[in-house]
Amino acid sequence: MEQQKLPNATLILVFGIISIVTCCCYGIIGLIFGIIALVLANKATKLYMENPEMYTDFKNVKTGKILAIIGVILNVLFLIYIIWAISYFGWDALQDPQKMQEILEQYQ
């Protein structure tokens, strides 16, 4: 029997990479890509475990899943940081560099 590629193996890898690369986009975009990659990786892993000799590219799935986990963690941390900055400094201070400078000088 000829081996087939696992469905979405390359897509999982690409989404895992994108989730890390986009972690500085307010944490939302990368979080979405990371979660999608994790869901697809879990489906591909179940499919592979049912019949391992039938599929190839499981390394891409494992690598993509690891990258997606790292990406989700980074995005959640960055999202928490953004929420903290908005609640601590206020939205107006983050939009106005001069006002932000005044706030920072108060704390020194």
N, C-alpha and C. Protein backbone atom coordinates (compact mmCIF):
# COMPACT_ATOMS: atom_id res chain seq x y z
N MET A 1 0.84 -1.18 0.00
CA MET A 1 0.00 0.00 0.00
C MET A 1 0.89 1.24 0.00
N GLU A 2 0.52 2.19 -0.80
CA GLU A 2 1.29 3.42 -0.93
C GLU A 2 0.96 4.38 0.21
N GLN A 3 2.00 5.00 0.76
CA GLN A 3 1.78 5.95 1.85
C GLN A 3 1.28 7.28 1.30
N GLN A 4 0.39 7.89 2.07
CA GLN A 4 -0.16 9.19 1.71
C GLN A 4 0.35 10.24 2.68
N LYS A 5 0.30 11.48 2.24
CA LYS A 5 0.63 12.57 3.15
C LYS A 5 -0.56 12.79 4.08
N LEU A 6 -0.24 13.14 5.31
CA LEU A 6 -1.32 13.47 6.25
C LEU A 6 -2.03 14.73 5.79
N PRO A 7 -3.34 14.75 5.84
CA PRO A 7 -4.04 15.96 5.44
C PRO A 7 -3.69 17.13 6.37
N ASN A 8 -3.45 18.26 5.78
CA ASN A 8 -3.16 19.51 6.50
C ASN A 8 -1.84 19.53 7.25
N ALA A 9 -0.92 18.60 6.98
CA ALA A 9 0.36 18.58 7.70
C ALA A 9 1.16 19.85 7.43
N THR A 10 1.22 20.26 6.18
CA THR A 10 1.96 21.48 5.84
C THR A 10 1.24 22.71 6.37
N LEU A 11 -0.08 22.71 6.31
CA LEU A 11 -0.87 23.83 6.83
C LEU A 11 -0.67 24.00 8.34
N ILE A 12 -0.59 22.89 9.05
CA ILE A 12 -0.35 22.95 10.50
C ILE A 12 1.00 23.59 10.78
N LEU A 13 2.01 23.20 10.02
CA LEU A 13 3.35 23.77 10.19
C LEU A 13 3.35 25.27 9.88
N VAL A 14 2.71 25.65 8.80
CA VAL A 14 2.65 27.07 8.41
C VAL A 14 1.89 27.89 9.45
N PHE A 15 0.75 27.38 9.92
CA PHE A 15 -0.01 28.11 10.94
C PHE A 15 0.76 28.22 12.25
N GLY A 16 1.53 27.19 12.60
CA GLY A 16 2.37 27.26 13.79
C GLY A 16 3.42 28.35 13.68
N ILE A 17 4.03 28.45 12.51
CA ILE A 17 5.03 29.51 12.26
C ILE A 17 4.37 30.88 12.30
N ILE A 18 3.22 31.01 11.65
CA ILE A 18 2.52 32.30 11.62
C ILE A 18 2.10 32.72 13.03
N SER A 19 1.73 31.77 13.87
CA SER A 19 1.31 32.13 15.23
C SER A 19 2.47 32.73 16.02
N ILE A 20 3.69 32.28 15.76
CA ILE A 20 4.85 32.86 16.45
C ILE A 20 5.21 34.21 15.85
N VAL A 21 5.21 34.29 14.53
CA VAL A 21 5.61 35.52 13.85
C VAL A 21 4.66 36.67 14.18
N THR A 22 3.38 36.38 14.32
CA THR A 22 2.39 37.44 14.55
C THR A 22 2.07 37.65 16.03
N CYS A 23 2.95 37.22 16.92
CA CYS A 23 2.65 37.36 18.35
C CYS A 23 2.64 38.82 18.80
N CYS A 24 3.23 39.72 18.04
CA CYS A 24 3.24 41.13 18.43
C CYS A 24 2.09 41.92 17.80
N CYS A 25 1.16 41.26 17.19
CA CYS A 25 -0.01 41.93 16.60
C CYS A 25 -1.16 41.90 17.60
N TYR A 26 -0.94 42.48 18.77
CA TYR A 26 -1.91 42.54 19.86
C TYR A 26 -2.33 41.18 20.37
N GLY A 27 -1.67 40.12 19.96
CA GLY A 27 -1.94 38.79 20.49
C GLY A 27 -3.16 38.09 19.92
N ILE A 28 -3.95 38.76 19.14
CA ILE A 28 -5.20 38.17 18.65
C ILE A 28 -4.97 37.31 17.41
N ILE A 29 -4.27 37.85 16.43
CA ILE A 29 -4.08 37.15 15.16
C ILE A 29 -3.31 35.85 15.36
N GLY A 30 -2.20 35.94 16.07
CA GLY A 30 -1.40 34.75 16.32
C GLY A 30 -2.12 33.72 17.16
N LEU A 31 -2.94 34.19 18.09
CA LEU A 31 -3.71 33.28 18.93
C LEU A 31 -4.70 32.48 18.08
N ILE A 32 -5.33 33.13 17.13
CA ILE A 32 -6.27 32.45 16.24
C ILE A 32 -5.55 31.39 15.41
N PHE A 33 -4.42 31.77 14.80
CA PHE A 33 -3.66 30.81 14.00
C PHE A 33 -3.15 29.65 14.85
N GLY A 34 -2.70 29.94 16.06
CA GLY A 34 -2.20 28.88 16.94
C GLY A 34 -3.28 27.90 17.34
N ILE A 35 -4.46 28.40 17.66
CA ILE A 35 -5.56 27.52 18.06
C ILE A 35 -6.00 26.66 16.88
N ILE A 36 -6.09 27.26 15.70
CA ILE A 36 -6.46 26.48 14.51
C ILE A 36 -5.43 25.39 14.25
N ALA A 37 -4.14 25.72 14.38
CA ALA A 37 -3.08 24.74 14.16
C ALA A 37 -3.18 23.60 15.18
N LEU A 38 -3.49 23.92 16.43
CA LEU A 38 -3.61 22.88 17.45
C LEU A 38 -4.79 21.95 17.17
N VAL A 39 -5.91 22.51 16.76
CA VAL A 39 -7.08 21.68 16.45
C VAL A 39 -6.78 20.76 15.27
N LEU A 40 -6.18 21.32 14.22
CA LEU A 40 -5.84 20.51 13.05
C LEU A 40 -4.79 19.45 13.40
N ALA A 41 -3.84 19.80 14.26
CA ALA A 41 -2.81 18.84 14.67
C ALA A 41 -3.41 17.69 15.46
N ASN A 42 -4.35 17.98 16.32
CA ASN A 42 -5.00 16.91 17.09
C ASN A 42 -5.77 15.97 16.17
N LYS A 43 -6.46 16.52 15.18
CA LYS A 43 -7.18 15.67 14.22
C LYS A 43 -6.21 14.82 13.42
N ALA A 44 -5.11 15.42 12.97
CA ALA A 44 -4.12 14.68 12.18
C ALA A 44 -3.43 13.61 13.02
N THR A 45 -3.19 13.89 14.29
CA THR A 45 -2.56 12.90 15.17
C THR A 45 -3.48 11.71 15.38
N LYS A 46 -4.76 11.96 15.59
CA LYS A 46 -5.72 10.86 15.75
C LYS A 46 -5.76 10.00 14.48
N LEU A 47 -5.77 10.66 13.33
CA LEU A 47 -5.79 9.94 12.06
C LEU A 47 -4.53 9.11 11.89
N TYR A 48 -3.40 9.67 12.25
CA TYR A 48 -2.12 8.96 12.12
C TYR A 48 -2.06 7.77 13.08
N MET A 49 -2.54 7.93 14.29
CA MET A 49 -2.47 6.86 15.28
C MET A 49 -3.38 5.68 14.92
N GLU A 50 -4.42 5.93 14.15
CA GLU A 50 -5.29 4.84 13.71
C GLU A 50 -4.56 3.90 12.76
N ASN A 51 -3.71 4.46 11.90
CA ASN A 51 -3.01 3.65 10.90
C ASN A 51 -1.67 4.31 10.55
N PRO A 52 -0.64 4.16 11.39
CA PRO A 52 0.62 4.89 11.20
C PRO A 52 1.37 4.54 9.92
N GLU A 53 1.27 3.30 9.47
CA GLU A 53 2.03 2.92 8.27
C GLU A 53 1.41 3.46 6.98
N MET A 54 0.24 4.04 7.07
CA MET A 54 -0.43 4.55 5.88
C MET A 54 -0.05 6.00 5.55
N TYR A 55 0.48 6.73 6.55
CA TYR A 55 0.70 8.17 6.36
C TYR A 55 2.16 8.56 6.55
N THR A 56 2.54 9.62 5.86
CA THR A 56 3.85 10.25 6.05
C THR A 56 3.62 11.66 6.60
N ASP A 57 4.67 12.41 6.76
CA ASP A 57 4.63 13.82 7.20
C ASP A 57 4.18 14.00 8.65
N PHE A 58 4.30 12.97 9.48
CA PHE A 58 3.92 13.16 10.88
C PHE A 58 4.89 14.10 11.59
N LYS A 59 6.12 14.18 11.10
CA LYS A 59 7.10 15.10 11.69
C LYS A 59 6.63 16.55 11.53
N ASN A 60 6.04 16.87 10.38
CA ASN A 60 5.51 18.23 10.18
C ASN A 60 4.38 18.53 11.16
N VAL A 61 3.56 17.54 11.42
CA VAL A 61 2.45 17.73 12.36
C VAL A 61 3.00 17.97 13.77
N LYS A 62 3.99 17.16 14.19
CA LYS A 62 4.56 17.34 15.53
C LYS A 62 5.25 18.69 15.65
N THR A 63 6.03 19.06 14.63
CA THR A 63 6.72 20.35 14.66
C THR A 63 5.72 21.51 14.67
N GLY A 64 4.70 21.42 13.83
CA GLY A 64 3.67 22.46 13.79
C GLY A 64 2.93 22.58 15.10
N LYS A 65 2.68 21.45 15.76
CA LYS A 65 1.99 21.47 17.05
C LYS A 65 2.85 22.15 18.11
N ILE A 66 4.14 21.84 18.12
CA ILE A 66 5.05 22.48 19.07
C ILE A 66 5.12 23.98 18.82
N LEU A 67 5.25 24.37 17.56
CA LEU A 67 5.28 25.80 17.22
C LEU A 67 3.97 26.49 17.60
N ALA A 68 2.86 25.81 17.39
CA ALA A 68 1.56 26.39 17.74
C ALA A 68 1.43 26.58 19.25
N ILE A 69 1.92 25.62 20.03
CA ILE A 69 1.88 25.75 21.49
C ILE A 69 2.72 26.94 21.93
N ILE A 70 3.92 27.06 21.37
CA ILE A 70 4.79 28.20 21.69
C ILE A 70 4.11 29.50 21.28
N GLY A 71 3.52 29.52 20.09
CA GLY A 71 2.83 30.71 19.60
C GLY A 71 1.65 31.10 20.46
N VAL A 72 0.87 30.12 20.90
CA VAL A 72 -0.29 30.42 21.76
C VAL A 72 0.18 31.00 23.09
N ILE A 73 1.23 30.42 23.66
CA ILE A 73 1.76 30.94 24.93
C ILE A 73 2.25 32.38 24.76
N LEU A 74 3.04 32.63 23.71
CA LEU A 74 3.54 33.99 23.47
C LEU A 74 2.40 34.98 23.24
N ASN A 75 1.41 34.57 22.47
CA ASN A 75 0.28 35.46 22.18
C ASN A 75 -0.55 35.75 23.43
N VAL A 76 -0.76 34.76 24.26
CA VAL A 76 -1.51 34.98 25.50
C VAL A 76 -0.74 35.92 26.41
N LEU A 77 0.58 35.72 26.53
CA LEU A 77 1.39 36.62 27.36
C LEU A 77 1.36 38.04 26.83
N PHE A 78 1.46 38.20 25.51
CA PHE A 78 1.42 39.54 24.93
C PHE A 78 0.05 40.17 25.10
N LEU A 79 -1.00 39.38 24.97
CA LEU A 79 -2.36 39.89 25.17
C LEU A 79 -2.56 40.34 26.61
N ILE A 80 -2.05 39.58 27.56
CA ILE A 80 -2.12 39.98 28.97
C ILE A 80 -1.36 41.28 29.18
N TYR A 81 -0.18 41.41 28.56
CA TYR A 81 0.61 42.63 28.69
C TYR A 81 -0.15 43.84 28.12
N ILE A 82 -0.78 43.67 26.97
CA ILE A 82 -1.53 44.77 26.35
C ILE A 82 -2.70 45.18 27.24
N ILE A 83 -3.41 44.20 27.79
CA ILE A 83 -4.53 44.51 28.68
C ILE A 83 -4.03 45.24 29.92
N TRP A 84 -2.90 44.79 30.48
CA TRP A 84 -2.32 45.46 31.64
C TRP A 84 -1.93 46.90 31.30
N ALA A 85 -1.28 47.10 30.15
CA ALA A 85 -0.84 48.45 29.76
C ALA A 85 -2.03 49.38 29.58
N ILE A 86 -3.09 48.89 28.97
CA ILE A 86 -4.27 49.73 28.77
C ILE A 86 -4.92 50.06 30.11
N SER A 87 -5.00 49.08 31.00
CA SER A 87 -5.64 49.36 32.29
C SER A 87 -4.76 50.21 33.20
N TYR A 88 -3.44 50.09 33.08
CA TYR A 88 -2.54 50.82 33.96
C TYR A 88 -2.31 52.25 33.49
N PHE A 89 -2.02 52.43 32.20
CA PHE A 89 -1.71 53.75 31.66
C PHE A 89 -2.92 54.44 31.06
N GLY A 90 -3.89 53.68 30.61
CA GLY A 90 -5.06 54.25 29.94
C GLY A 90 -4.86 54.30 28.44
N TRP A 91 -5.95 54.22 27.73
CA TRP A 91 -5.90 54.21 26.27
C TRP A 91 -5.37 55.52 25.71
N ASP A 92 -5.74 56.64 26.33
CA ASP A 92 -5.30 57.95 25.84
C ASP A 92 -3.79 58.10 25.94
N ALA A 93 -3.21 57.63 27.02
CA ALA A 93 -1.76 57.74 27.19
C ALA A 93 -1.01 56.88 26.17
N LEU A 94 -1.57 55.76 25.83
CA LEU A 94 -0.92 54.90 24.84
C LEU A 94 -1.00 55.50 23.43
N GLN A 95 -2.00 56.32 23.18
CA GLN A 95 -2.16 56.94 21.87
C GLN A 95 -1.35 58.22 21.73
N ASP A 96 -1.05 58.88 22.83
CA ASP A 96 -0.36 60.17 22.81
C ASP A 96 1.02 60.02 23.46
N PRO A 97 2.11 60.07 22.67
CA PRO A 97 3.46 59.88 23.23
C PRO A 97 3.84 60.93 24.28
N GLN A 98 3.37 62.16 24.11
CA GLN A 98 3.70 63.21 25.06
C GLN A 98 3.04 62.94 26.42
N LYS A 99 1.80 62.52 26.39
CA LYS A 99 1.09 62.19 27.63
C LYS A 99 1.73 60.97 28.30
N MET A 100 2.17 60.02 27.50
CA MET A 100 2.84 58.84 28.04
C MET A 100 4.15 59.22 28.72
N GLN A 101 4.88 60.13 28.11
CA GLN A 101 6.13 60.61 28.70
C GLN A 101 5.88 61.29 30.05
N GLU A 102 4.82 62.07 30.14
CA GLU A 102 4.47 62.72 31.40
C GLU A 102 4.14 61.70 32.48
N ILE A 103 3.41 60.67 32.12
CA ILE A 103 3.05 59.63 33.09
C ILE A 103 4.30 58.89 33.56
N LEU A 104 5.20 58.58 32.64
CA LEU A 104 6.42 57.88 33.01
C LEU A 104 7.32 58.74 33.89
N GLU A 105 7.35 60.04 33.66
CA GLU A 105 8.15 60.94 34.50
C GLU A 105 7.60 61.02 35.92
N GLN A 106 6.31 60.86 36.08
CA GLN A 106 5.71 60.87 37.42
C GLN A 106 6.19 59.69 38.26
N TYR A 107 6.46 58.56 37.62
CA TYR A 107 6.85 57.35 38.34
C TYR A 107 8.34 57.26 38.59
N GLN A 108 9.13 58.21 38.10
CA GLN A 108 10.58 58.15 38.31
C GLN A 108 11.00 58.90 39.52
